[in-house]
Amino acid sequence: MGTMRILDSTGDTVVDWEIDDQAAVREAEELFARLSAERRIPFARTSGGTAEDAQRIKAFDPGLEEIVWVRPIAGG
């Protein structure tokens, strides 16, 4: 099972999919594309890994265990 966690001002939204459920995978892929277009940043994390182990990703992979989305940080 894969999970996307979308972290933003509303909290932590969780979206799950099963790798063999093509409709759920397609919905997750569409959500990935939409969030990417909004310039949010995705990181992949493996089971048991820490936040420091997360890797930034550019494309959706339904085999990933967890994708965490964050908003870009603006400096000033």
PDB file of N, CA and C in Angstrom:
ATOM      1  N   MET A   1       0.840  -1.165   0.000  1.00  0.00           N
ATOM      2  CA  MET A   1       0.000   0.000   0.000  1.00  0.00           C
ATOM      3  C   MET A   1       0.891   1.236   0.000  1.00  0.00           C
ATOM      4  N   GLY A   2       0.466   2.256  -0.735  1.00  0.00           N
ATOM      5  CA  GLY A   2       1.163   3.529  -0.760  1.00  0.00           C
ATOM      6  C   GLY A   2       0.336   4.589  -0.049  1.00  0.00           C
ATOM      7  N   THR A   3       1.015   5.602   0.427  1.00  0.00           N
ATOM      8  CA  THR A   3       0.363   6.688   1.151  1.00  0.00           C
ATOM      9  C   THR A   3       0.962   8.011   0.720  1.00  0.00           C
ATOM     10  N   MET A   4       0.090   9.005   0.523  1.00  0.00           N
ATOM     11  CA  MET A   4       0.532  10.384   0.334  1.00  0.00           C
ATOM     12  C   MET A   4       0.042  11.176   1.520  1.00  0.00           C
ATOM     13  N   ARG A   5       0.944  11.962   2.100  1.00  0.00           N
ATOM     14  CA  ARG A   5       0.585  12.859   3.205  1.00  0.00           C
ATOM     15  C   ARG A   5       0.804  14.278   2.728  1.00  0.00           C
ATOM     16  N   ILE A   6      -0.249  15.071   2.774  1.00  0.00           N
ATOM     17  CA  ILE A   6      -0.199  16.441   2.298  1.00  0.00           C
ATOM     18  C   ILE A   6      -0.221  17.352   3.516  1.00  0.00           C
ATOM     19  N   LEU A   7       0.917  17.996   3.784  1.00  0.00           N
ATOM     20  CA  LEU A   7       1.054  18.860   4.948  1.00  0.00           C
ATOM     21  C   LEU A   7       0.846  20.308   4.513  1.00  0.00           C
ATOM     22  N   ASP A   8      -0.135  20.965   5.139  1.00  0.00           N
ATOM     23  CA  ASP A   8      -0.377  22.371   4.832  1.00  0.00           C
ATOM     24  C   ASP A   8      -1.087  23.041   6.003  1.00  0.00           C
ATOM     25  N   SER A   9      -1.587  24.232   5.778  1.00  0.00           N
ATOM     26  CA  SER A   9      -2.195  24.999   6.870  1.00  0.00           C
ATOM     27  C   SER A   9      -3.475  24.362   7.415  1.00  0.00           C
ATOM     28  N   THR A  10      -4.065  23.419   6.667  1.00  0.00           N
ATOM     29  CA  THR A  10      -5.276  22.752   7.154  1.00  0.00           C
ATOM     30  C   THR A  10      -4.957  21.516   7.972  1.00  0.00           C
ATOM     31  N   GLY A  11      -3.693  21.126   8.005  1.00  0.00           N
ATOM     32  CA  GLY A  11      -3.305  19.943   8.773  1.00  0.00           C
ATOM     33  C   GLY A  11      -2.579  18.926   7.921  1.00  0.00           C
ATOM     34  N   ASP A  12      -2.872  17.679   8.163  1.00  0.00           N
ATOM     35  CA  ASP A  12      -2.202  16.545   7.528  1.00  0.00           C
ATOM     36  C   ASP A  12      -3.271  15.688   6.855  1.00  0.00           C
ATOM     37  N   THR A  13      -3.367  15.784   5.524  1.00  0.00           N
ATOM     38  CA  THR A  13      -4.327  14.991   4.757  1.00  0.00           C
ATOM     39  C   THR A  13      -3.634  13.729   4.276  1.00  0.00           C
ATOM     40  N   VAL A  14      -4.279  12.565   4.443  1.00  0.00           N
ATOM     41  CA  VAL A  14      -3.695  11.287   4.049  1.00  0.00           C
ATOM     42  C   VAL A  14      -4.516  10.675   2.913  1.00  0.00           C
ATOM     43  N   VAL A  15      -3.810  10.243   1.854  1.00  0.00           N
ATOM     44  CA  VAL A  15      -4.430   9.567   0.715  1.00  0.00           C
ATOM     45  C   VAL A  15      -3.709   8.232   0.549  1.00  0.00           C
ATOM     46  N   ASP A  16      -4.454   7.133   0.565  1.00  0.00           N
ATOM     47  CA  ASP A  16      -3.875   5.786   0.430  1.00  0.00           C
ATOM     48  C   ASP A  16      -4.295   5.146  -0.885  1.00  0.00           C
ATOM     49  N   TRP A  17      -3.476   4.210  -1.383  1.00  0.00           N
ATOM     50  CA  TRP A  17      -3.839   3.409  -2.553  1.00  0.00           C
ATOM     51  C   TRP A  17      -3.194   2.045  -2.437  1.00  0.00           C
ATOM     52  N   GLU A  18      -3.840   1.083  -3.052  1.00  0.00           N
ATOM     53  CA  GLU A  18      -3.290  -0.270  -3.172  1.00  0.00           C
ATOM     54  C   GLU A  18      -2.683  -0.388  -4.564  1.00  0.00           C
ATOM     55  N   ILE A  19      -1.510  -0.968  -4.668  1.00  0.00           N
ATOM     56  CA  ILE A  19      -0.781  -1.044  -5.928  1.00  0.00           C
ATOM     57  C   ILE A  19      -1.573  -1.778  -7.012  1.00  0.00           C
ATOM     58  N   ASP A  20      -2.428  -2.717  -6.633  1.00  0.00           N
ATOM     59  CA  ASP A  20      -3.193  -3.473  -7.629  1.00  0.00           C
ATOM     60  C   ASP A  20      -4.577  -2.867  -7.907  1.00  0.00           C
ATOM     61  N   ASP A  21      -4.894  -1.726  -7.338  1.00  0.00           N
ATOM     62  CA  ASP A  21      -6.149  -1.019  -7.592  1.00  0.00           C
ATOM     63  C   ASP A  21      -5.861   0.103  -8.585  1.00  0.00           C
ATOM     64  N   GLN A  22      -6.082  -0.188  -9.878  1.00  0.00           N
ATOM     65  CA  GLN A  22      -5.706   0.751 -10.928  1.00  0.00           C
ATOM     66  C   GLN A  22      -6.416   2.095 -10.806  1.00  0.00           C
ATOM     67  N   ALA A  23      -7.670   2.094 -10.390  1.00  0.00           N
ATOM     68  CA  ALA A  23      -8.408   3.352 -10.242  1.00  0.00           C
ATOM     69  C   ALA A  23      -7.800   4.210  -9.132  1.00  0.00           C
ATOM     70  N   ALA A  24      -7.451   3.601  -8.012  1.00  0.00           N
ATOM     71  CA  ALA A  24      -6.847   4.338  -6.900  1.00  0.00           C
ATOM     72  C   ALA A  24      -5.462   4.853  -7.273  1.00  0.00           C
ATOM     73  N   VAL A  25      -4.698   4.055  -8.002  1.00  0.00           N
ATOM     74  CA  VAL A  25      -3.369   4.483  -8.449  1.00  0.00           C
ATOM     75  C   VAL A  25      -3.503   5.663  -9.401  1.00  0.00           C
ATOM     76  N   ARG A  26      -4.463   5.601 -10.309  1.00  0.00           N
ATOM     77  CA  ARG A  26      -4.696   6.689 -11.255  1.00  0.00           C
ATOM     78  C   ARG A  26      -5.085   7.978 -10.523  1.00  0.00           C
ATOM     79  N   GLU A  27      -5.948   7.867  -9.520  1.00  0.00           N
ATOM     80  CA  GLU A  27      -6.343   9.036  -8.732  1.00  0.00           C
ATOM     81  C   GLU A  27      -5.136   9.621  -7.990  1.00  0.00           C
ATOM     82  N   ALA A  28      -4.303   8.767  -7.426  1.00  0.00           N
ATOM     83  CA  ALA A  28      -3.110   9.237  -6.718  1.00  0.00           C
ATOM     84  C   ALA A  28      -2.151   9.915  -7.691  1.00  0.00           C
ATOM     85  N   GLU A  29      -2.025   9.362  -8.882  1.00  0.00           N
ATOM     86  CA  GLU A  29      -1.144   9.954  -9.896  1.00  0.00           C
ATOM     87  C   GLU A  29      -1.661  11.330 -10.330  1.00  0.00           C
ATOM     88  N   GLU A  30      -2.976  11.461 -10.491  1.00  0.00           N
ATOM     89  CA  GLU A  30      -3.573  12.753 -10.847  1.00  0.00           C
ATOM     90  C   GLU A  30      -3.366  13.769  -9.725  1.00  0.00           C
ATOM     91  N   LEU A  31      -3.514  13.327  -8.474  1.00  0.00           N
ATOM     92  CA  LEU A  31      -3.277  14.208  -7.339  1.00  0.00           C
ATOM     93  C   LEU A  31      -1.813  14.649  -7.309  1.00  0.00           C
ATOM     94  N   PHE A  32      -0.891  13.730  -7.583  1.00  0.00           N
ATOM     95  CA  PHE A  32       0.535  14.063  -7.638  1.00  0.00           C
ATOM     96  C   PHE A  32       0.768  15.158  -8.673  1.00  0.00           C
ATOM     97  N   ALA A  33       0.169  15.010  -9.857  1.00  0.00           N
ATOM     98  CA  ALA A  33       0.341  16.006 -10.922  1.00  0.00           C
ATOM     99  C   ALA A  33      -0.229  17.360 -10.496  1.00  0.00           C
ATOM    100  N   ARG A  34      -1.393  17.358  -9.861  1.00  0.00           N
ATOM    101  CA  ARG A  34      -2.019  18.608  -9.427  1.00  0.00           C
ATOM    102  C   ARG A  34      -1.168  19.320  -8.364  1.00  0.00           C
ATOM    103  N   LEU A  35      -0.687  18.576  -7.391  1.00  0.00           N
ATOM    104  CA  LEU A  35       0.137  19.169  -6.346  1.00  0.00           C
ATOM    105  C   LEU A  35       1.472  19.669  -6.906  1.00  0.00           C
ATOM    106  N   SER A  36       2.024  18.955  -7.868  1.00  0.00           N
ATOM    107  CA  SER A  36       3.253  19.407  -8.524  1.00  0.00           C
ATOM    108  C   SER A  36       3.008  20.726  -9.252  1.00  0.00           C
ATOM    109  N   ALA A  37       1.865  20.840  -9.925  1.00  0.00           N
ATOM    110  CA  ALA A  37       1.520  22.069 -10.642  1.00  0.00           C
ATOM    111  C   ALA A  37       1.340  23.240  -9.680  1.00  0.00           C
ATOM    112  N   GLU A  38       0.951  22.943  -8.436  1.00  0.00           N
ATOM    113  CA  GLU A  38       0.815  23.971  -7.406  1.00  0.00           C
ATOM    114  C   GLU A  38       2.168  24.317  -6.773  1.00  0.00           C
ATOM    115  N   ARG A  39       3.231  23.728  -7.296  1.00  0.00           N
ATOM    116  CA  ARG A  39       4.607  23.964  -6.849  1.00  0.00           C
ATOM    117  C   ARG A  39       4.888  23.452  -5.437  1.00  0.00           C
ATOM    118  N   ARG A  40       4.107  22.471  -5.013  1.00  0.00           N
ATOM    119  CA  ARG A  40       4.427  21.820  -3.743  1.00  0.00           C
ATOM    120  C   ARG A  40       5.573  20.850  -3.983  1.00  0.00           C
ATOM    121  N   ILE A  41       6.229  20.453  -2.906  1.00  0.00           N
ATOM    122  CA  ILE A  41       7.448  19.651  -3.040  1.00  0.00           C
ATOM    123  C   ILE A  41       7.225  18.264  -2.443  1.00  0.00           C
ATOM    124  N   PRO A  42       7.406  17.182  -3.256  1.00  0.00           N
ATOM    125  CA  PRO A  42       7.235  15.822  -2.759  1.00  0.00           C
ATOM    126  C   PRO A  42       8.548  15.179  -2.321  1.00  0.00           C
ATOM    127  N   PHE A  43       8.461  14.445  -1.222  1.00  0.00           N
ATOM    128  CA  PHE A  43       9.583  13.660  -0.724  1.00  0.00           C
ATOM    129  C   PHE A  43       9.106  12.227  -0.524  1.00  0.00           C
ATOM    130  N   ALA A  44       9.955  11.264  -0.838  1.00  0.00           N
ATOM    131  CA  ALA A  44       9.649   9.857  -0.611  1.00  0.00           C
ATOM    132  C   ALA A  44      10.394   9.399   0.630  1.00  0.00           C
ATOM    133  N   ARG A  45       9.690   8.637   1.444  1.00  0.00           N
ATOM    134  CA  ARG A  45      10.297   8.101   2.666  1.00  0.00           C
ATOM    135  C   ARG A  45       9.988   6.612   2.740  1.00  0.00           C
ATOM    136  N   THR A  46      10.972   5.828   3.115  1.00  0.00           N
ATOM    137  CA  THR A  46      10.767   4.385   3.225  1.00  0.00           C
ATOM    138  C   THR A  46      10.336   4.026   4.638  1.00  0.00           C
ATOM    139  N   SER A  47       9.763   2.865   4.776  1.00  0.00           N
ATOM    140  CA  SER A  47       9.309   2.381   6.072  1.00  0.00           C
ATOM    141  C   SER A  47      10.483   2.320   7.040  1.00  0.00           C
ATOM    142  N   GLY A  48      10.280   2.857   8.213  1.00  0.00           N
ATOM    143  CA  GLY A  48      11.321   2.838   9.228  1.00  0.00           C
ATOM    144  C   GLY A  48      12.349   3.939   9.076  1.00  0.00           C
ATOM    145  N   GLY A  49      12.277   4.683   7.960  1.00  0.00           N
ATOM    146  CA  GLY A  49      13.223   5.773   7.745  1.00  0.00           C
ATOM    147  C   GLY A  49      12.821   7.002   8.538  1.00  0.00           C
ATOM    148  N   THR A  50      13.784   7.850   8.772  1.00  0.00           N
ATOM    149  CA  THR A  50      13.519   9.097   9.480  1.00  0.00           C
ATOM    150  C   THR A  50      13.287  10.213   8.465  1.00  0.00           C
ATOM    151  N   ALA A  51      12.897  11.373   8.936  1.00  0.00           N
ATOM    152  CA  ALA A  51      12.694  12.518   8.048  1.00  0.00           C
ATOM    153  C   ALA A  51      13.985  12.856   7.309  1.00  0.00           C
ATOM    154  N   GLU A  52      15.125  12.634   7.953  1.00  0.00           N
ATOM    155  CA  GLU A  52      16.407  12.915   7.321  1.00  0.00           C
ATOM    156  C   GLU A  52      16.698  11.963   6.162  1.00  0.00           C
ATOM    157  N   ASP A  53      16.049  10.805   6.138  1.00  0.00           N
ATOM    158  CA  ASP A  53      16.255   9.821   5.078  1.00  0.00           C
ATOM    159  C   ASP A  53      15.394  10.081   3.854  1.00  0.00           C
ATOM    160  N   ALA A  54      14.487  11.043   3.922  1.00  0.00           N
ATOM    161  CA  ALA A  54      13.573  11.323   2.813  1.00  0.00           C
ATOM    162  C   ALA A  54      14.347  11.875   1.615  1.00  0.00           C
ATOM    163  N   GLN A  55      13.899  11.491   0.428  1.00  0.00           N
ATOM    164  CA  GLN A  55      14.520  11.937  -0.815  1.00  0.00           C
ATOM    165  C   GLN A  55      13.491  12.707  -1.641  1.00  0.00           C
ATOM    166  N   ARG A  56      13.875  13.858  -2.165  1.00  0.00           N
ATOM    167  CA  ARG A  56      12.975  14.610  -3.032  1.00  0.00           C
ATOM    168  C   ARG A  56      12.780  13.828  -4.324  1.00  0.00           C
ATOM    169  N   ILE A  57      11.543  13.787  -4.799  1.00  0.00           N
ATOM    170  CA  ILE A  57      11.242  13.052  -6.032  1.00  0.00           C
ATOM    171  C   ILE A  57      10.619  13.997  -7.048  1.00  0.00           C
ATOM    172  N   LYS A  58      10.645  13.597  -8.310  1.00  0.00           N
ATOM    173  CA  LYS A  58      10.103  14.422  -9.397  1.00  0.00           C
ATOM    174  C   LYS A  58       8.895  13.775 -10.069  1.00  0.00           C
ATOM    175  N   ALA A  59       8.743  12.454  -9.924  1.00  0.00           N
ATOM    176  CA  ALA A  59       7.671  11.737 -10.617  1.00  0.00           C
ATOM    177  C   ALA A  59       6.969  10.777  -9.662  1.00  0.00           C
ATOM    178  N   PHE A  60       5.710  10.501  -9.963  1.00  0.00           N
ATOM    179  CA  PHE A  60       4.920   9.580  -9.156  1.00  0.00           C
ATOM    180  C   PHE A  60       5.362   8.143  -9.407  1.00  0.00           C
ATOM    181  N   ASP A  61       5.540   7.390  -8.358  1.00  0.00           N
ATOM    182  CA  ASP A  61       5.857   5.963  -8.417  1.00  0.00           C
ATOM    183  C   ASP A  61       4.893   5.263  -7.476  1.00  0.00           C
ATOM    184  N   PRO A  62       3.926   4.497  -8.006  1.00  0.00           N
ATOM    185  CA  PRO A  62       2.937   3.865  -7.135  1.00  0.00           C
ATOM    186  C   PRO A  62       3.526   2.850  -6.169  1.00  0.00           C
ATOM    187  N   GLY A  63       4.758   2.416  -6.391  1.00  0.00           N
ATOM    188  CA  GLY A  63       5.408   1.457  -5.513  1.00  0.00           C
ATOM    189  C   GLY A  63       6.035   2.079  -4.272  1.00  0.00           C
ATOM    190  N   LEU A  64       6.068   3.398  -4.209  1.00  0.00           N
ATOM    191  CA  LEU A  64       6.623   4.049  -3.024  1.00  0.00           C
ATOM    192  C   LEU A  64       5.704   3.841  -1.837  1.00  0.00           C
ATOM    193  N   GLU A  65       6.285   3.656  -0.676  1.00  0.00           N
ATOM    194  CA  GLU A  65       5.489   3.446   0.534  1.00  0.00           C
ATOM    195  C   GLU A  65       4.845   4.737   1.021  1.00  0.00           C
ATOM    196  N   GLU A  66       5.618   5.834   0.998  1.00  0.00           N
ATOM    197  CA  GLU A  66       5.072   7.092   1.510  1.00  0.00           C
ATOM    198  C   GLU A  66       5.639   8.271   0.733  1.00  0.00           C
ATOM    199  N   ILE A  67       4.742   9.164   0.340  1.00  0.00           N
ATOM    200  CA  ILE A  67       5.126  10.432  -0.289  1.00  0.00           C
ATOM    201  C   ILE A  67       4.595  11.522   0.623  1.00  0.00           C
ATOM    202  N   VAL A  68       5.472  12.432   1.015  1.00  0.00           N
ATOM    203  CA  VAL A  68       5.094  13.536   1.882  1.00  0.00           C
ATOM    204  C   VAL A  68       5.228  14.833   1.098  1.00  0.00           C
ATOM    205  N   TRP A  69       4.162  15.622   1.093  1.00  0.00           N
ATOM    206  CA  TRP A  69       4.144  16.891   0.362  1.00  0.00           C
ATOM    207  C   TRP A  69       4.274  18.051   1.327  1.00  0.00           C
ATOM    208  N   VAL A  70       5.130  19.017   0.966  1.00  0.00           N
ATOM    209  CA  VAL A  70       5.270  20.242   1.747  1.00  0.00           C
ATOM    210  C   VAL A  70       5.187  21.439   0.812  1.00  0.00           C
ATOM    211  N   ARG A  71       4.863  22.576   1.391  1.00  0.00           N
ATOM    212  CA  ARG A  71       4.869  23.827   0.607  1.00  0.00           C
ATOM    213  C   ARG A  71       6.300  24.369   0.591  1.00  0.00           C
ATOM    214  N   PRO A  72       6.661  25.060  -0.489  1.00  0.00           N
ATOM    215  CA  PRO A  72       7.994  25.674  -0.510  1.00  0.00           C
ATOM    216  C   PRO A  72       8.087  26.752   0.574  1.00  0.00           C
ATOM    217  N   ILE A  73       9.267  26.921   1.095  1.00  0.00           N
ATOM    218  CA  ILE A  73       9.503  27.929   2.128  1.00  0.00           C
ATOM    219  C   ILE A  73      10.051  29.174   1.448  1.00  0.00           C
ATOM    220  N   ALA A  74       9.410  30.297   1.709  1.00  0.00           N
ATOM    221  CA  ALA A  74       9.858  31.565   1.143  1.00  0.00           C
ATOM    222  C   ALA A  74      10.740  32.289   2.158  1.00  0.00           C
ATOM    223  N   GLY A  75      11.852  32.742   1.684  1.00  0.00           N
ATOM    224  CA  GLY A  75      12.756  33.485   2.553  1.00  0.00           C
ATOM    225  C   GLY A  75      12.552  34.988   2.396  1.00  0.00           C
ATOM    226  N   GLY A  76      13.128  35.731   3.221  1.00  0.00           N
ATOM    227  CA  GLY A  76      12.960  37.162   3.078  1.00  0.00           C
ATOM    228  C   GLY A  76      13.912  37.860   3.880  1.00  0.00           C
TER     229      GLY A  76
END
